[in-house]
Amino acid sequence: MPKIKSNSSAKKRFKVTASGRVKRNQSHRRHILTKKPTKRKRQLRSPAFVHSADVQLIRRMLPYS
């Protein structure tokens, strides 16, 4: 049987944890950082989990993870 290709953009953006949850990085940390408070920038460092409504779509894009 042929293998299914993984979506390259999804590979770079999401990781599946051992328990099966999908982890993502937070946005708003790339540029225009001078006007953002240090507290906000520090809290954006920590990864977040993908919303349950979007997990099924991401799982389809990452078939072997």
PDB file of N, CA and C in Angstrom:
ATOM      1  N   MET A   1       0.836  -1.197   0.000  1.00  0.00           N
ATOM      2  CA  MET A   1       0.000   0.000   0.000  1.00  0.00           C
ATOM      3  C   MET A   1       0.880   1.260   0.000  1.00  0.00           C
ATOM      4  N   PRO A   2       0.470   2.287  -0.733  1.00  0.00           N
ATOM      5  CA  PRO A   2       1.241   3.532  -0.709  1.00  0.00           C
ATOM      6  C   PRO A   2       1.080   4.244   0.633  1.00  0.00           C
ATOM      7  N   LYS A   3       2.117   4.976   0.994  1.00  0.00           N
ATOM      8  CA  LYS A   3       2.062   5.735   2.243  1.00  0.00           C
ATOM      9  C   LYS A   3       1.381   7.076   2.007  1.00  0.00           C
ATOM     10  N   ILE A   4       0.804   7.630   3.082  1.00  0.00           N
ATOM     11  CA  ILE A   4       0.168   8.949   3.012  1.00  0.00           C
ATOM     12  C   ILE A   4       1.217   9.994   3.355  1.00  0.00           C
ATOM     13  N   LYS A   5       1.264  11.055   2.562  1.00  0.00           N
ATOM     14  CA  LYS A   5       2.216  12.135   2.853  1.00  0.00           C
ATOM     15  C   LYS A   5       1.699  12.975   4.019  1.00  0.00           C
ATOM     16  N   SER A   6       2.641  13.357   4.887  1.00  0.00           N
ATOM     17  CA  SER A   6       2.313  14.284   5.959  1.00  0.00           C
ATOM     18  C   SER A   6       2.333  15.694   5.407  1.00  0.00           C
ATOM     19  N   ASN A   7       1.501  16.552   5.953  1.00  0.00           N
ATOM     20  CA  ASN A   7       1.479  17.956   5.554  1.00  0.00           C
ATOM     21  C   ASN A   7       2.716  18.644   6.138  1.00  0.00           C
ATOM     22  N   SER A   8       3.561  19.211   5.265  1.00  0.00           N
ATOM     23  CA  SER A   8       4.841  19.784   5.697  1.00  0.00           C
ATOM     24  C   SER A   8       4.668  20.965   6.643  1.00  0.00           C
ATOM     25  N   SER A   9       3.683  21.805   6.388  1.00  0.00           N
ATOM     26  CA  SER A   9       3.490  22.960   7.261  1.00  0.00           C
ATOM     27  C   SER A   9       3.003  22.523   8.650  1.00  0.00           C
ATOM     28  N   ALA A  10       2.186  21.487   8.701  1.00  0.00           N
ATOM     29  CA  ALA A  10       1.699  20.987   9.987  1.00  0.00           C
ATOM     30  C   ALA A  10       2.823  20.317  10.772  1.00  0.00           C
ATOM     31  N   LYS A  11       3.745  19.638  10.054  1.00  0.00           N
ATOM     32  CA  LYS A  11       4.893  19.002  10.710  1.00  0.00           C
ATOM     33  C   LYS A  11       5.711  20.017  11.489  1.00  0.00           C
ATOM     34  N   LYS A  12       5.858  21.219  10.892  1.00  0.00           N
ATOM     35  CA  LYS A  12       6.680  22.260  11.508  1.00  0.00           C
ATOM     36  C   LYS A  12       5.969  22.945  12.671  1.00  0.00           C
ATOM     37  N   ARG A  13       4.653  22.942  12.671  1.00  0.00           N
ATOM     38  CA  ARG A  13       3.902  23.726  13.650  1.00  0.00           C
ATOM     39  C   ARG A  13       3.368  22.943  14.844  1.00  0.00           C
ATOM     40  N   PHE A  14       3.153  21.638  14.693  1.00  0.00           N
ATOM     41  CA  PHE A  14       2.498  20.868  15.744  1.00  0.00           C
ATOM     42  C   PHE A  14       3.310  19.644  16.140  1.00  0.00           C
ATOM     43  N   LYS A  15       3.191  19.268  17.426  1.00  0.00           N
ATOM     44  CA  LYS A  15       3.792  18.040  17.930  1.00  0.00           C
ATOM     45  C   LYS A  15       2.698  17.287  18.680  1.00  0.00           C
ATOM     46  N   VAL A  16       2.680  15.977  18.527  1.00  0.00           N
ATOM     47  CA  VAL A  16       1.711  15.149  19.251  1.00  0.00           C
ATOM     48  C   VAL A  16       2.407  14.581  20.477  1.00  0.00           C
ATOM     49  N   THR A  17       1.801  14.761  21.647  1.00  0.00           N
ATOM     50  CA  THR A  17       2.397  14.283  22.889  1.00  0.00           C
ATOM     51  C   THR A  17       2.166  12.781  23.039  1.00  0.00           C
ATOM     52  N   ALA A  18       2.785  12.200  24.032  1.00  0.00           N
ATOM     53  CA  ALA A  18       2.654  10.758  24.275  1.00  0.00           C
ATOM     54  C   ALA A  18       1.218  10.379  24.616  1.00  0.00           C
ATOM     55  N   SER A  19       0.502  11.288  25.267  1.00  0.00           N
ATOM     56  CA  SER A  19      -0.892  10.997  25.617  1.00  0.00           C
ATOM     57  C   SER A  19      -1.847  11.275  24.457  1.00  0.00           C
ATOM     58  N   GLY A  20      -1.325  11.826  23.355  1.00  0.00           N
ATOM     59  CA  GLY A  20      -2.146  12.023  22.172  1.00  0.00           C
ATOM     60  C   GLY A  20      -2.674  13.430  21.973  1.00  0.00           C
ATOM     61  N   ARG A  21      -2.330  14.340  22.879  1.00  0.00           N
ATOM     62  CA  ARG A  21      -2.774  15.724  22.714  1.00  0.00           C
ATOM     63  C   ARG A  21      -1.850  16.433  21.724  1.00  0.00           C
ATOM     64  N   VAL A  22      -2.358  17.491  21.086  1.00  0.00           N
ATOM     65  CA  VAL A  22      -1.572  18.204  20.078  1.00  0.00           C
ATOM     66  C   VAL A  22      -1.091  19.529  20.661  1.00  0.00           C
ATOM     67  N   LYS A  23       0.233  19.727  20.613  1.00  0.00           N
ATOM     68  CA  LYS A  23       0.869  20.900  21.193  1.00  0.00           C
ATOM     69  C   LYS A  23       1.205  21.897  20.089  1.00  0.00           C
ATOM     70  N   ARG A  24       1.129  23.177  20.410  1.00  0.00           N
ATOM     71  CA  ARG A  24       1.465  24.222  19.440  1.00  0.00           C
ATOM     72  C   ARG A  24       2.194  25.352  20.146  1.00  0.00           C
ATOM     73  N   ASN A  25       2.895  26.173  19.368  1.00  0.00           N
ATOM     74  CA  ASN A  25       3.522  27.365  19.924  1.00  0.00           C
ATOM     75  C   ASN A  25       2.548  28.527  19.841  1.00  0.00           C
ATOM     76  N   GLN A  26       2.760  29.513  20.703  1.00  0.00           N
ATOM     77  CA  GLN A  26       1.867  30.663  20.725  1.00  0.00           C
ATOM     78  C   GLN A  26       2.318  31.705  19.702  1.00  0.00           C
ATOM     79  N   SER A  27       1.374  32.469  19.214  1.00  0.00           N
ATOM     80  CA  SER A  27       1.669  33.499  18.216  1.00  0.00           C
ATOM     81  C   SER A  27       2.013  34.829  18.898  1.00  0.00           C
ATOM     82  N   HIS A  28       2.291  35.847  18.095  1.00  0.00           N
ATOM     83  CA  HIS A  28       2.573  37.227  18.539  1.00  0.00           C
ATOM     84  C   HIS A  28       3.936  37.384  19.201  1.00  0.00           C
ATOM     85  N   ARG A  29       4.924  36.570  18.832  1.00  0.00           N
ATOM     86  CA  ARG A  29       6.256  36.727  19.411  1.00  0.00           C
ATOM     87  C   ARG A  29       7.326  36.950  18.352  1.00  0.00           C
ATOM     88  N   ARG A  30       6.961  37.291  17.127  1.00  0.00           N
ATOM     89  CA  ARG A  30       7.931  37.396  16.043  1.00  0.00           C
ATOM     90  C   ARG A  30       8.509  38.795  15.893  1.00  0.00           C
ATOM     91  N   HIS A  31       7.653  39.807  15.912  1.00  0.00           N
ATOM     92  CA  HIS A  31       8.132  41.172  15.704  1.00  0.00           C
ATOM     93  C   HIS A  31       7.202  42.145  16.414  1.00  0.00           C
ATOM     94  N   ILE A  32       7.566  43.442  16.396  1.00  0.00           N
ATOM     95  CA  ILE A  32       6.870  44.501  17.139  1.00  0.00           C
ATOM     96  C   ILE A  32       6.779  44.112  18.625  1.00  0.00           C
ATOM     97  N   LEU A  33       7.921  43.784  19.199  1.00  0.00           N
ATOM     98  CA  LEU A  33       7.953  43.312  20.582  1.00  0.00           C
ATOM     99  C   LEU A  33       8.182  44.449  21.583  1.00  0.00           C
ATOM    100  N   THR A  34       8.583  45.627  21.092  1.00  0.00           N
ATOM    101  CA  THR A  34       8.920  46.712  22.020  1.00  0.00           C
ATOM    102  C   THR A  34       7.699  47.228  22.776  1.00  0.00           C
ATOM    103  N   LYS A  35       6.535  47.208  22.142  1.00  0.00           N
ATOM    104  CA  LYS A  35       5.340  47.731  22.802  1.00  0.00           C
ATOM    105  C   LYS A  35       4.640  46.700  23.687  1.00  0.00           C
ATOM    106  N   LYS A  36       5.096  45.454  23.650  1.00  0.00           N
ATOM    107  CA  LYS A  36       4.451  44.416  24.452  1.00  0.00           C
ATOM    108  C   LYS A  36       5.151  44.305  25.809  1.00  0.00           C
ATOM    109  N   PRO A  37       4.391  44.155  26.873  1.00  0.00           N
ATOM    110  CA  PRO A  37       5.005  44.030  28.199  1.00  0.00           C
ATOM    111  C   PRO A  37       5.833  42.751  28.321  1.00  0.00           C
ATOM    112  N   THR A  38       6.837  42.805  29.178  1.00  0.00           N
ATOM    113  CA  THR A  38       7.713  41.656  29.399  1.00  0.00           C
ATOM    114  C   THR A  38       6.931  40.448  29.882  1.00  0.00           C
ATOM    115  N   LYS A  39       5.940  40.679  30.727  1.00  0.00           N
ATOM    116  CA  LYS A  39       5.120  39.581  31.255  1.00  0.00           C
ATOM    117  C   LYS A  39       4.411  38.841  30.126  1.00  0.00           C
ATOM    118  N   ARG A  40       3.858  39.601  29.182  1.00  0.00           N
ATOM    119  CA  ARG A  40       3.138  38.991  28.068  1.00  0.00           C
ATOM    120  C   ARG A  40       4.081  38.184  27.185  1.00  0.00           C
ATOM    121  N   LYS A  41       5.268  38.732  26.909  1.00  0.00           N
ATOM    122  CA  LYS A  41       6.241  38.022  26.066  1.00  0.00           C
ATOM    123  C   LYS A  41       6.723  36.745  26.748  1.00  0.00           C
ATOM    124  N   ARG A  42       6.908  36.815  28.046  1.00  0.00           N
ATOM    125  CA  ARG A  42       7.351  35.643  28.808  1.00  0.00           C
ATOM    126  C   ARG A  42       6.280  34.549  28.799  1.00  0.00           C
ATOM    127  N   GLN A  43       5.029  34.935  28.943  1.00  0.00           N
ATOM    128  CA  GLN A  43       3.947  33.943  28.957  1.00  0.00           C
ATOM    129  C   GLN A  43       3.698  33.340  27.583  1.00  0.00           C
ATOM    130  N   LEU A  44       4.038  34.066  26.531  1.00  0.00           N
ATOM    131  CA  LEU A  44       3.862  33.539  25.177  1.00  0.00           C
ATOM    132  C   LEU A  44       4.922  32.497  24.824  1.00  0.00           C
ATOM    133  N   ARG A  45       5.984  32.408  25.625  1.00  0.00           N
ATOM    134  CA  ARG A  45       7.021  31.393  25.383  1.00  0.00           C
ATOM    135  C   ARG A  45       6.492  29.977  25.578  1.00  0.00           C
ATOM    136  N   SER A  46       5.617  29.808  26.551  1.00  0.00           N
ATOM    137  CA  SER A  46       5.165  28.460  26.894  1.00  0.00           C
ATOM    138  C   SER A  46       4.224  27.926  25.819  1.00  0.00           C
ATOM    139  N   PRO A  47       4.363  26.643  25.460  1.00  0.00           N
ATOM    140  CA  PRO A  47       3.478  26.078  24.442  1.00  0.00           C
ATOM    141  C   PRO A  47       2.055  25.909  24.968  1.00  0.00           C
ATOM    142  N   ALA A  48       1.119  25.814  24.043  1.00  0.00           N
ATOM    143  CA  ALA A  48      -0.286  25.622  24.393  1.00  0.00           C
ATOM    144  C   ALA A  48      -0.798  24.393  23.659  1.00  0.00           C
ATOM    145  N   PHE A  49      -1.962  23.931  24.049  1.00  0.00           N
ATOM    146  CA  PHE A  49      -2.571  22.797  23.373  1.00  0.00           C
ATOM    147  C   PHE A  49      -3.595  23.290  22.362  1.00  0.00           C
ATOM    148  N   VAL A  50      -3.734  22.559  21.282  1.00  0.00           N
ATOM    149  CA  VAL A  50      -4.681  22.901  20.229  1.00  0.00           C
ATOM    150  C   VAL A  50      -6.097  22.666  20.740  1.00  0.00           C
ATOM    151  N   HIS A  51      -7.019  23.517  20.329  1.00  0.00           N
ATOM    152  CA  HIS A  51      -8.415  23.386  20.742  1.00  0.00           C
ATOM    153  C   HIS A  51      -8.990  22.067  20.217  1.00  0.00           C
ATOM    154  N   SER A  52      -9.870  21.476  21.009  1.00  0.00           N
ATOM    155  CA  SER A  52     -10.413  20.161  20.678  1.00  0.00           C
ATOM    156  C   SER A  52     -11.146  20.132  19.339  1.00  0.00           C
ATOM    157  N   ALA A  53     -11.702  21.283  18.923  1.00  0.00           N
ATOM    158  CA  ALA A  53     -12.427  21.345  17.648  1.00  0.00           C
ATOM    159  C   ALA A  53     -11.482  21.203  16.454  1.00  0.00           C
ATOM    160  N   ASP A  54     -10.196  21.534  16.638  1.00  0.00           N
ATOM    161  CA  ASP A  54      -9.229  21.508  15.534  1.00  0.00           C
ATOM    162  C   ASP A  54      -8.343  20.262  15.524  1.00  0.00           C
ATOM    163  N   VAL A  55      -8.397  19.458  16.565  1.00  0.00           N
ATOM    164  CA  VAL A  55      -7.496  18.310  16.689  1.00  0.00           C
ATOM    165  C   VAL A  55      -7.694  17.308  15.555  1.00  0.00           C
ATOM    166  N   GLN A  56      -8.922  17.044  15.181  1.00  0.00           N
ATOM    167  CA  GLN A  56      -9.198  16.044  14.144  1.00  0.00           C
ATOM    168  C   GLN A  56      -8.568  16.442  12.809  1.00  0.00           C
ATOM    169  N   LEU A  57      -8.627  17.729  12.459  1.00  0.00           N
ATOM    170  CA  LEU A  57      -8.026  18.217  11.215  1.00  0.00           C
ATOM    171  C   LEU A  57      -6.510  18.040  11.223  1.00  0.00           C
ATOM    172  N   ILE A  58      -5.892  18.353  12.352  1.00  0.00           N
ATOM    173  CA  ILE A  58      -4.432  18.247  12.456  1.00  0.00           C
ATOM    174  C   ILE A  58      -3.995  16.791  12.426  1.00  0.00           C
ATOM    175  N   ARG A  59      -4.757  15.924  13.062  1.00  0.00           N
ATOM    176  CA  ARG A  59      -4.454  14.486  13.031  1.00  0.00           C
ATOM    177  C   ARG A  59      -4.477  13.944  11.606  1.00  0.00           C
ATOM    178  N   ARG A  60      -5.390  14.443  10.790  1.00  0.00           N
ATOM    179  CA  ARG A  60      -5.464  14.016   9.398  1.00  0.00           C
ATOM    180  C   ARG A  60      -4.244  14.488   8.617  1.00  0.00           C
ATOM    181  N   MET A  61      -3.702  15.655   8.983  1.00  0.00           N
ATOM    182  CA  MET A  61      -2.527  16.175   8.303  1.00  0.00           C
ATOM    183  C   MET A  61      -1.241  15.472   8.741  1.00  0.00           C
ATOM    184  N   LEU A  62      -1.268  14.865   9.941  1.00  0.00           N
ATOM    185  CA  LEU A  62      -0.099  14.161  10.488  1.00  0.00           C
ATOM    186  C   LEU A  62      -0.453  12.700  10.716  1.00  0.00           C
ATOM    187  N   PRO A  63      -0.518  11.891   9.676  1.00  0.00           N
ATOM    188  CA  PRO A  63      -1.049  10.535   9.817  1.00  0.00           C
ATOM    189  C   PRO A  63      -0.181   9.588  10.650  1.00  0.00           C
ATOM    190  N   TYR A  64       1.123   9.804  10.712  1.00  0.00           N
ATOM    191  CA  TYR A  64       1.994   8.836  11.392  1.00  0.00           C
ATOM    192  C   TYR A  64       2.571   9.352  12.693  1.00  0.00           C
ATOM    193  N   SER A  65       1.961  10.363  13.282  1.00  0.00           N
ATOM    194  CA  SER A  65       2.509  10.888  14.531  1.00  0.00           C
ATOM    195  C   SER A  65       1.667  10.466  15.727  1.00  0.00           C
TER     196      SER A  65
END
